[in-house]
Amino acid sequence: MSILLIIILSSVAMSLIALVGLFALVLKERVLRKIILPLVAFSAGALLGGAFLHMIPEAIGMTKNITGIFIWVLIGFSLFFLLEQFIHWHHCHLVPSEHKKPVTYLILIADGIHNFIGGLAIAGAFLVDIKVGIITWIVAAAHEIPQELGDFGILIHGGWEKKKALIFNFLSALTIVLGGLVAYFLSTKINISFLLPFAAGNFIYIACSDLIPEVKHGCSIKNNIIHFIFFIIGILLIFLVKFINI
């Protein structure tokens, strides 16, 4: 299978995660409340595990310019900080009734930008190594599930019909495919290995700035322990993938 086809298929598969909002239609809000924060904690662990255990070590193994690697990590981190500062976008994992000030179109535009960058990262990882690409896809997917549930909740609370919310959320997610194609065709002109540490910086920012703050102030010791366990499970899952021969 050609690398271009792998990138397209993996990008489309990631875009389909936007349809996870269908589960929000089936599950009661009480159930969503119970599962959403453990999912957020799990995705935070997966993102940090992917960045520190796979992407950064792989990038370091490709070059002797260690400082350059960490500069790209910082660029990736800083770009998402810029998105939050100037587009006023943040990952939101609340259930529909908890949204206070929905900004639906802004969410879609900002999420489209976020997904485009994600497409660059996933494709860049596949272009470096198939196994690294698969790991990056798994990590990104673990993050996208609670993210897309949150986006769907914002659109519904903002007055959108459920069908319209699903369609537009999916269209916003398709920018992942565009990002993947851009990365692939860029790779024929320039060395795009910088996308690996760049993506690691993205993942570190999302985990530390958006996800962990949402779960670290639990209302009970029991919930805090549960969230920490899911966080560790996320890290361990990505760590165990290192030993899988692909």
C-alpha atoms as a PDB file:
ATOM      1  CA  MET A   1       0.000   0.000   0.000  1.00  0.00           C
ATOM      2  CA  SER A   2       1.423   3.402  -0.965  1.00  0.00           C
ATOM      3  CA  ILE A   3       2.194   5.941   1.746  1.00  0.00           C
ATOM      4  CA  LEU A   4      -0.189   8.423   0.099  1.00  0.00           C
ATOM      5  CA  LEU A   5      -3.076   5.958   0.360  1.00  0.00           C
ATOM      6  CA  ILE A   6      -2.181   5.231   4.000  1.00  0.00           C
ATOM      7  CA  ILE A   7      -2.232   8.961   4.774  1.00  0.00           C
ATOM      8  CA  ILE A   8      -5.590   9.447   3.041  1.00  0.00           C
ATOM      9  CA  LEU A   9      -7.220   6.445   4.740  1.00  0.00           C
ATOM     10  CA  SER A  10      -5.881   7.329   8.189  1.00  0.00           C
ATOM     11  CA  SER A  11      -6.973  10.976   7.773  1.00  0.00           C
ATOM     12  CA  VAL A  12     -10.476   9.995   6.677  1.00  0.00           C
ATOM     13  CA  ALA A  13     -10.722   7.539   9.576  1.00  0.00           C
ATOM     14  CA  MET A  14      -9.733  10.327  11.972  1.00  0.00           C
ATOM     15  CA  SER A  15     -12.333  12.634  10.442  1.00  0.00           C
ATOM     16  CA  LEU A  16     -15.039  10.012  11.028  1.00  0.00           C
ATOM     17  CA  ILE A  17     -14.422  10.327  14.764  1.00  0.00           C
ATOM     18  CA  ALA A  18     -16.344  13.600  14.508  1.00  0.00           C
ATOM     19  CA  LEU A  19     -19.453  11.435  14.242  1.00  0.00           C
ATOM     20  CA  VAL A  20     -18.926  10.303  17.836  1.00  0.00           C
ATOM     21  CA  GLY A  21     -21.622  12.850  18.633  1.00  0.00           C
ATOM     22  CA  LEU A  22     -24.068  10.111  17.656  1.00  0.00           C
ATOM     23  CA  PHE A  23     -23.288   8.442  20.981  1.00  0.00           C
ATOM     24  CA  ALA A  24     -24.195  11.651  22.781  1.00  0.00           C
ATOM     25  CA  LEU A  25     -27.661  11.302  21.267  1.00  0.00           C
ATOM     26  CA  VAL A  26     -28.046   7.773  22.649  1.00  0.00           C
ATOM     27  CA  LEU A  27     -26.456   8.139  26.067  1.00  0.00           C
ATOM     28  CA  LYS A  28     -28.168   9.989  28.879  1.00  0.00           C
ATOM     29  CA  GLU A  29     -26.449  13.140  30.072  1.00  0.00           C
ATOM     30  CA  ARG A  30     -25.886  11.546  33.494  1.00  0.00           C
ATOM     31  CA  VAL A  31     -23.875   8.769  31.823  1.00  0.00           C
ATOM     32  CA  LEU A  32     -21.923  11.259  29.709  1.00  0.00           C
ATOM     33  CA  ARG A  33     -20.921  13.115  32.863  1.00  0.00           C
ATOM     34  CA  LYS A  34     -19.485   9.932  34.326  1.00  0.00           C
ATOM     35  CA  ILE A  35     -17.394   8.933  31.310  1.00  0.00           C
ATOM     36  CA  ILE A  36     -16.251  12.230  29.814  1.00  0.00           C
ATOM     37  CA  LEU A  37     -13.619  13.237  32.405  1.00  0.00           C
ATOM     38  CA  PRO A  38     -12.035   9.763  32.629  1.00  0.00           C
ATOM     39  CA  LEU A  39     -11.774   9.903  28.816  1.00  0.00           C
ATOM     40  CA  VAL A  40     -10.150  13.332  29.072  1.00  0.00           C
ATOM     41  CA  ALA A  41      -7.648  12.010  31.636  1.00  0.00           C
ATOM     42  CA  PHE A  42      -6.903   8.998  29.425  1.00  0.00           C
ATOM     43  CA  SER A  43      -6.310  11.190  26.371  1.00  0.00           C
ATOM     44  CA  ALA A  44      -3.994  13.488  28.371  1.00  0.00           C
ATOM     45  CA  GLY A  45      -1.868  10.488  29.313  1.00  0.00           C
ATOM     46  CA  ALA A  46      -1.877   9.183  25.744  1.00  0.00           C
ATOM     47  CA  LEU A  47      -0.825  12.566  24.357  1.00  0.00           C
ATOM     48  CA  LEU A  48       2.077  12.932  26.784  1.00  0.00           C
ATOM     49  CA  GLY A  49       3.095   9.309  26.285  1.00  0.00           C
ATOM     50  CA  GLY A  50       3.080   9.748  22.516  1.00  0.00           C
ATOM     51  CA  ALA A  51       5.100  12.952  22.681  1.00  0.00           C
ATOM     52  CA  PHE A  52       7.765  11.856  25.188  1.00  0.00           C
ATOM     53  CA  LEU A  53       8.024   8.122  24.525  1.00  0.00           C
ATOM     54  CA  HIS A  54       7.739   8.022  20.731  1.00  0.00           C
ATOM     55  CA  MET A  55       7.759  11.270  18.774  1.00  0.00           C
ATOM     56  CA  ILE A  56      10.588  13.174  20.465  1.00  0.00           C
ATOM     57  CA  PRO A  57      12.896  10.097  20.764  1.00  0.00           C
ATOM     58  CA  GLU A  58      12.210   9.228  17.111  1.00  0.00           C
ATOM     59  CA  ALA A  59      13.008  12.794  16.035  1.00  0.00           C
ATOM     60  CA  ILE A  60      16.230  12.783  18.082  1.00  0.00           C
ATOM     61  CA  GLY A  61      17.248   9.516  16.460  1.00  0.00           C
ATOM     62  CA  MET A  62      17.021  11.148  13.025  1.00  0.00           C
ATOM     63  CA  THR A  63      19.409  14.037  13.643  1.00  0.00           C
ATOM     64  CA  LYS A  64      22.330  15.219  15.750  1.00  0.00           C
ATOM     65  CA  ASN A  65      20.774  18.675  16.081  1.00  0.00           C
ATOM     66  CA  ILE A  66      19.083  18.095  19.438  1.00  0.00           C
ATOM     67  CA  THR A  67      18.565  21.816  20.033  1.00  0.00           C
ATOM     68  CA  GLY A  68      16.751  22.094  16.701  1.00  0.00           C
ATOM     69  CA  ILE A  69      14.406  19.275  17.735  1.00  0.00           C
ATOM     70  CA  PHE A  70      13.388  21.042  20.926  1.00  0.00           C
ATOM     71  CA  ILE A  71      13.014  24.351  19.114  1.00  0.00           C
ATOM     72  CA  TRP A  72      10.357  22.675  16.935  1.00  0.00           C
ATOM     73  CA  VAL A  73       8.733  21.224  20.057  1.00  0.00           C
ATOM     74  CA  LEU A  74       8.514  24.759  21.448  1.00  0.00           C
ATOM     75  CA  ILE A  75       7.166  26.079  18.138  1.00  0.00           C
ATOM     76  CA  GLY A  76       4.442  23.433  18.167  1.00  0.00           C
ATOM     77  CA  PHE A  77       3.628  24.247  21.789  1.00  0.00           C
ATOM     78  CA  SER A  78       3.607  28.001  21.150  1.00  0.00           C
ATOM     79  CA  LEU A  79       1.390  27.789  18.073  1.00  0.00           C
ATOM     80  CA  PHE A  80      -1.436  26.220  20.048  1.00  0.00           C
ATOM     81  CA  PHE A  81      -0.961  28.845  22.753  1.00  0.00           C
ATOM     82  CA  LEU A  82      -1.338  31.444  19.997  1.00  0.00           C
ATOM     83  CA  LEU A  83      -4.555  29.793  18.807  1.00  0.00           C
ATOM     84  CA  GLU A  84      -6.036  30.038  22.277  1.00  0.00           C
ATOM     85  CA  GLN A  85      -4.897  33.600  22.824  1.00  0.00           C
ATOM     86  CA  PHE A  86      -6.063  35.110  19.549  1.00  0.00           C
ATOM     87  CA  ILE A  87      -8.849  32.832  18.359  1.00  0.00           C
ATOM     88  CA  HIS A  88     -10.173  32.304  21.897  1.00  0.00           C
ATOM     89  CA  TRP A  89     -10.543  28.616  21.248  1.00  0.00           C
ATOM     90  CA  HIS A  90     -10.095  25.938  23.837  1.00  0.00           C
ATOM     91  CA  HIS A  91     -10.831  22.264  24.123  1.00  0.00           C
ATOM     92  CA  CYS A  92     -14.123  21.863  25.897  1.00  0.00           C
ATOM     93  CA  HIS A  93     -15.320  18.571  27.296  1.00  0.00           C
ATOM     94  CA  LEU A  94     -18.472  19.601  29.096  1.00  0.00           C
ATOM     95  CA  VAL A  95     -21.818  17.977  28.494  1.00  0.00           C
ATOM     96  CA  PRO A  96     -24.452  20.061  26.643  1.00  0.00           C
ATOM     97  CA  SER A  97     -26.256  21.511  29.679  1.00  0.00           C
ATOM     98  CA  GLU A  98     -22.988  22.867  31.110  1.00  0.00           C
ATOM     99  CA  HIS A  99     -22.132  25.194  28.222  1.00  0.00           C
ATOM    100  CA  LYS A 100     -22.727  28.826  29.182  1.00  0.00           C
ATOM    101  CA  LYS A 101     -21.611  30.953  26.222  1.00  0.00           C
ATOM    102  CA  PRO A 102     -21.612  28.934  23.008  1.00  0.00           C
ATOM    103  CA  VAL A 103     -19.691  30.418  20.075  1.00  0.00           C
ATOM    104  CA  THR A 104     -20.594  27.819  17.506  1.00  0.00           C
ATOM    105  CA  TYR A 105     -19.089  29.130  14.270  1.00  0.00           C
ATOM    106  CA  LEU A 106     -15.903  30.198  16.037  1.00  0.00           C
ATOM    107  CA  ILE A 107     -15.583  26.692  17.460  1.00  0.00           C
ATOM    108  CA  LEU A 108     -15.931  25.165  13.993  1.00  0.00           C
ATOM    109  CA  ILE A 109     -13.362  27.509  12.417  1.00  0.00           C
ATOM    110  CA  ALA A 110     -10.861  27.027  15.233  1.00  0.00           C
ATOM    111  CA  ASP A 111     -11.409  23.268  15.279  1.00  0.00           C
ATOM    112  CA  GLY A 112     -10.855  23.214  11.514  1.00  0.00           C
ATOM    113  CA  ILE A 113      -7.472  24.893  12.019  1.00  0.00           C
ATOM    114  CA  HIS A 114      -6.649  22.474  14.823  1.00  0.00           C
ATOM    115  CA  ASN A 115      -7.599  19.491  12.661  1.00  0.00           C
ATOM    116  CA  PHE A 116      -5.537  20.785   9.725  1.00  0.00           C
ATOM    117  CA  ILE A 117      -2.472  20.921  11.980  1.00  0.00           C
ATOM    118  CA  GLY A 118      -3.361  17.438  13.232  1.00  0.00           C
ATOM    119  CA  GLY A 119      -3.434  16.211   9.643  1.00  0.00           C
ATOM    120  CA  LEU A 120       0.041  17.659   9.081  1.00  0.00           C
ATOM    121  CA  ALA A 121       1.275  15.886  12.202  1.00  0.00           C
ATOM    122  CA  ILE A 122      -0.220  12.477  11.390  1.00  0.00           C
ATOM    123  CA  ALA A 123       0.981  12.520   7.788  1.00  0.00           C
ATOM    124  CA  GLY A 124       4.412  13.745   8.863  1.00  0.00           C
ATOM    125  CA  ALA A 125       4.679  10.842  11.297  1.00  0.00           C
ATOM    126  CA  PHE A 126       3.695   8.286   8.622  1.00  0.00           C
ATOM    127  CA  LEU A 127       6.255   9.779   6.248  1.00  0.00           C
ATOM    128  CA  VAL A 128       8.970   9.310   8.869  1.00  0.00           C
ATOM    129  CA  ASP A 129       8.007   5.761   9.856  1.00  0.00           C
ATOM    130  CA  ILE A 130       4.832   3.659   9.544  1.00  0.00           C
ATOM    131  CA  LYS A 131       4.968   2.557  13.187  1.00  0.00           C
ATOM    132  CA  VAL A 132       5.406   6.140  14.421  1.00  0.00           C
ATOM    133  CA  GLY A 133       2.497   7.128  12.201  1.00  0.00           C
ATOM    134  CA  ILE A 134       0.249   4.454  13.713  1.00  0.00           C
ATOM    135  CA  ILE A 135       1.203   5.527  17.238  1.00  0.00           C
ATOM    136  CA  THR A 136       0.551   9.174  16.388  1.00  0.00           C
ATOM    137  CA  TRP A 137      -2.838   8.229  14.945  1.00  0.00           C
ATOM    138  CA  ILE A 138      -3.787   6.274  18.081  1.00  0.00           C
ATOM    139  CA  VAL A 139      -2.737   9.148  20.330  1.00  0.00           C
ATOM    140  CA  ALA A 140      -4.639  11.709  18.242  1.00  0.00           C
ATOM    141  CA  ALA A 141      -7.728   9.472  18.149  1.00  0.00           C
ATOM    142  CA  ALA A 142      -7.701   9.098  21.944  1.00  0.00           C
ATOM    143  CA  HIS A 143      -7.763  12.885  22.175  1.00  0.00           C
ATOM    144  CA  GLU A 144     -10.345  13.462  19.438  1.00  0.00           C
ATOM    145  CA  ILE A 145     -13.127  11.416  21.048  1.00  0.00           C
ATOM    146  CA  PRO A 146     -13.704  13.661  24.105  1.00  0.00           C
ATOM    147  CA  GLN A 147     -12.861  16.715  21.980  1.00  0.00           C
ATOM    148  CA  GLU A 148     -15.539  15.964  19.394  1.00  0.00           C
ATOM    149  CA  LEU A 149     -18.087  15.140  22.091  1.00  0.00           C
ATOM    150  CA  GLY A 150     -17.420  18.562  23.570  1.00  0.00           C
ATOM    151  CA  ASP A 151     -17.705  20.341  20.216  1.00  0.00           C
ATOM    152  CA  PHE A 152     -20.972  18.559  19.486  1.00  0.00           C
ATOM    153  CA  GLY A 153     -22.319  19.644  22.865  1.00  0.00           C
ATOM    154  CA  ILE A 154     -21.420  23.271  22.141  1.00  0.00           C
ATOM    155  CA  LEU A 155     -23.229  23.222  18.795  1.00  0.00           C
ATOM    156  CA  ILE A 156     -26.350  21.633  20.282  1.00  0.00           C
ATOM    157  CA  HIS A 157     -26.426  24.074  23.189  1.00  0.00           C
ATOM    158  CA  GLY A 158     -25.947  26.893  20.693  1.00  0.00           C
ATOM    159  CA  GLY A 159     -29.305  26.042  19.134  1.00  0.00           C
ATOM    160  CA  TRP A 160     -28.205  23.829  16.234  1.00  0.00           C
ATOM    161  CA  GLU A 161     -30.283  20.876  15.130  1.00  0.00           C
ATOM    162  CA  LYS A 162     -28.579  17.564  15.888  1.00  0.00           C
ATOM    163  CA  LYS A 163     -28.268  16.547  12.220  1.00  0.00           C
ATOM    164  CA  LYS A 164     -26.803  19.931  11.251  1.00  0.00           C
ATOM    165  CA  ALA A 165     -24.365  19.799  14.171  1.00  0.00           C
ATOM    166  CA  LEU A 166     -23.114  16.354  13.133  1.00  0.00           C
ATOM    167  CA  ILE A 167     -22.686  17.373   9.477  1.00  0.00           C
ATOM    168  CA  PHE A 168     -20.820  20.611  10.193  1.00  0.00           C
ATOM    169  CA  ASN A 169     -18.658  18.998  12.864  1.00  0.00           C
ATOM    170  CA  PHE A 170     -17.698  16.319  10.328  1.00  0.00           C
ATOM    171  CA  LEU A 171     -16.949  18.930   7.631  1.00  0.00           C
ATOM    172  CA  SER A 172     -14.694  20.739  10.094  1.00  0.00           C
ATOM    173  CA  ALA A 173     -12.910  17.443  10.782  1.00  0.00           C
ATOM    174  CA  LEU A 174     -12.213  16.907   7.068  1.00  0.00           C
ATOM    175  CA  THR A 175      -9.459  19.528   7.266  1.00  0.00           C
ATOM    176  CA  ILE A 176      -7.422  16.643   8.716  1.00  0.00           C
ATOM    177  CA  VAL A 177      -7.408  15.131   5.217  1.00  0.00           C
ATOM    178  CA  LEU A 178      -6.319  18.458   3.725  1.00  0.00           C
ATOM    179  CA  GLY A 179      -3.481  18.717   6.245  1.00  0.00           C
ATOM    180  CA  GLY A 180      -2.376  15.172   5.415  1.00  0.00           C
ATOM    181  CA  LEU A 181      -2.283  15.882   1.692  1.00  0.00           C
ATOM    182  CA  VAL A 182      -0.379  19.139   2.199  1.00  0.00           C
ATOM    183  CA  ALA A 183       2.230  17.322   4.301  1.00  0.00           C
ATOM    184  CA  TYR A 184       2.593  14.568   1.699  1.00  0.00           C
ATOM    185  CA  PHE A 185       3.137  16.917  -1.235  1.00  0.00           C
ATOM    186  CA  LEU A 186       5.440  19.140   0.828  1.00  0.00           C
ATOM    187  CA  SER A 187       7.562  16.057   1.517  1.00  0.00           C
ATOM    188  CA  THR A 188       8.344  15.814  -2.205  1.00  0.00           C
ATOM    189  CA  LYS A 189       9.898  19.283  -2.066  1.00  0.00           C
ATOM    190  CA  ILE A 190      11.396  19.663   1.412  1.00  0.00           C
ATOM    191  CA  ASN A 191      12.445  17.595   4.429  1.00  0.00           C
ATOM    192  CA  ILE A 192       9.346  17.510   6.647  1.00  0.00           C
ATOM    193  CA  SER A 193      10.892  15.580   9.553  1.00  0.00           C
ATOM    194  CA  PHE A 194      10.396  18.742  11.656  1.00  0.00           C
ATOM    195  CA  LEU A 195       6.680  17.871  11.775  1.00  0.00           C
ATOM    196  CA  LEU A 196       7.404  15.123  14.325  1.00  0.00           C
ATOM    197  CA  PRO A 197       8.751  17.366  17.133  1.00  0.00           C
ATOM    198  CA  PHE A 198       6.294  20.067  16.025  1.00  0.00           C
ATOM    199  CA  ALA A 199       3.409  17.633  16.616  1.00  0.00           C
ATOM    200  CA  ALA A 200       4.930  16.591  19.948  1.00  0.00           C
ATOM    201  CA  GLY A 201       4.782  20.229  21.032  1.00  0.00           C
ATOM    202  CA  ASN A 202       1.108  20.343  20.005  1.00  0.00           C
ATOM    203  CA  PHE A 203       0.361  17.230  22.050  1.00  0.00           C
ATOM    204  CA  ILE A 204       2.203  18.505  25.139  1.00  0.00           C
ATOM    205  CA  TYR A 205       0.315  21.805  25.052  1.00  0.00           C
ATOM    206  CA  ILE A 206      -3.099  20.182  24.621  1.00  0.00           C
ATOM    207  CA  ALA A 207      -2.460  17.721  27.459  1.00  0.00           C
ATOM    208  CA  CYS A 208      -1.011  20.208  29.945  1.00  0.00           C
ATOM    209  CA  SER A 209      -2.987  23.349  29.159  1.00  0.00           C
ATOM    210  CA  ASP A 210      -6.408  22.030  28.177  1.00  0.00           C
ATOM    211  CA  LEU A 211      -6.926  18.486  29.412  1.00  0.00           C
ATOM    212  CA  ILE A 212      -5.175  18.097  32.771  1.00  0.00           C
ATOM    213  CA  PRO A 213      -6.667  21.343  34.210  1.00  0.00           C
ATOM    214  CA  GLU A 214     -10.133  19.927  33.555  1.00  0.00           C
ATOM    215  CA  VAL A 215      -9.574  16.775  35.612  1.00  0.00           C
ATOM    216  CA  LYS A 216      -7.188  17.839  38.372  1.00  0.00           C
ATOM    217  CA  HIS A 217      -9.822  19.633  40.446  1.00  0.00           C
ATOM    218  CA  GLY A 218     -12.198  16.750  41.047  1.00  0.00           C
ATOM    219  CA  CYS A 219     -14.974  17.078  43.584  1.00  0.00           C
ATOM    220  CA  SER A 220     -13.933  13.945  45.493  1.00  0.00           C
ATOM    221  CA  ILE A 221     -10.863  11.870  46.291  1.00  0.00           C
ATOM    222  CA  LYS A 222     -12.491   8.899  44.572  1.00  0.00           C
ATOM    223  CA  ASN A 223     -12.918  10.809  41.288  1.00  0.00           C
ATOM    224  CA  ASN A 224      -9.379  12.172  41.497  1.00  0.00           C
ATOM    225  CA  ILE A 225      -7.995   8.646  41.897  1.00  0.00           C
ATOM    226  CA  ILE A 226     -10.105   7.379  38.984  1.00  0.00           C
ATOM    227  CA  HIS A 227      -8.896  10.212  36.752  1.00  0.00           C
ATOM    228  CA  PHE A 228      -5.268   9.565  37.712  1.00  0.00           C
ATOM    229  CA  ILE A 229      -5.659   5.854  36.954  1.00  0.00           C
ATOM    230  CA  PHE A 230      -7.062   6.631  33.496  1.00  0.00           C
ATOM    231  CA  PHE A 231      -4.201   9.108  32.961  1.00  0.00           C
ATOM    232  CA  ILE A 232      -1.635   6.391  33.771  1.00  0.00           C
ATOM    233  CA  ILE A 233      -3.478   3.883  31.573  1.00  0.00           C
ATOM    234  CA  GLY A 234      -3.154   6.344  28.680  1.00  0.00           C
ATOM    235  CA  ILE A 235       0.608   6.566  29.200  1.00  0.00           C
ATOM    236  CA  LEU A 236       1.013   2.800  29.648  1.00  0.00           C
ATOM    237  CA  LEU A 237      -0.960   2.030  26.504  1.00  0.00           C
ATOM    238  CA  ILE A 238       1.339   4.188  24.392  1.00  0.00           C
ATOM    239  CA  PHE A 239       4.401   2.772  26.175  1.00  0.00           C
ATOM    240  CA  LEU A 240       3.334  -0.816  25.414  1.00  0.00           C
ATOM    241  CA  VAL A 241       2.920   0.022  21.733  1.00  0.00           C
ATOM    242  CA  LYS A 242       6.726   0.443  21.622  1.00  0.00           C
ATOM    243  CA  PHE A 243       7.065  -3.321  21.907  1.00  0.00           C
ATOM    244  CA  ILE A 244       4.696  -4.182  19.088  1.00  0.00           C
ATOM    245  CA  ASN A 245       6.446  -5.161  15.877  1.00  0.00           C
ATOM    246  CA  ILE A 246       4.759  -3.560  12.853  1.00  0.00           C
END
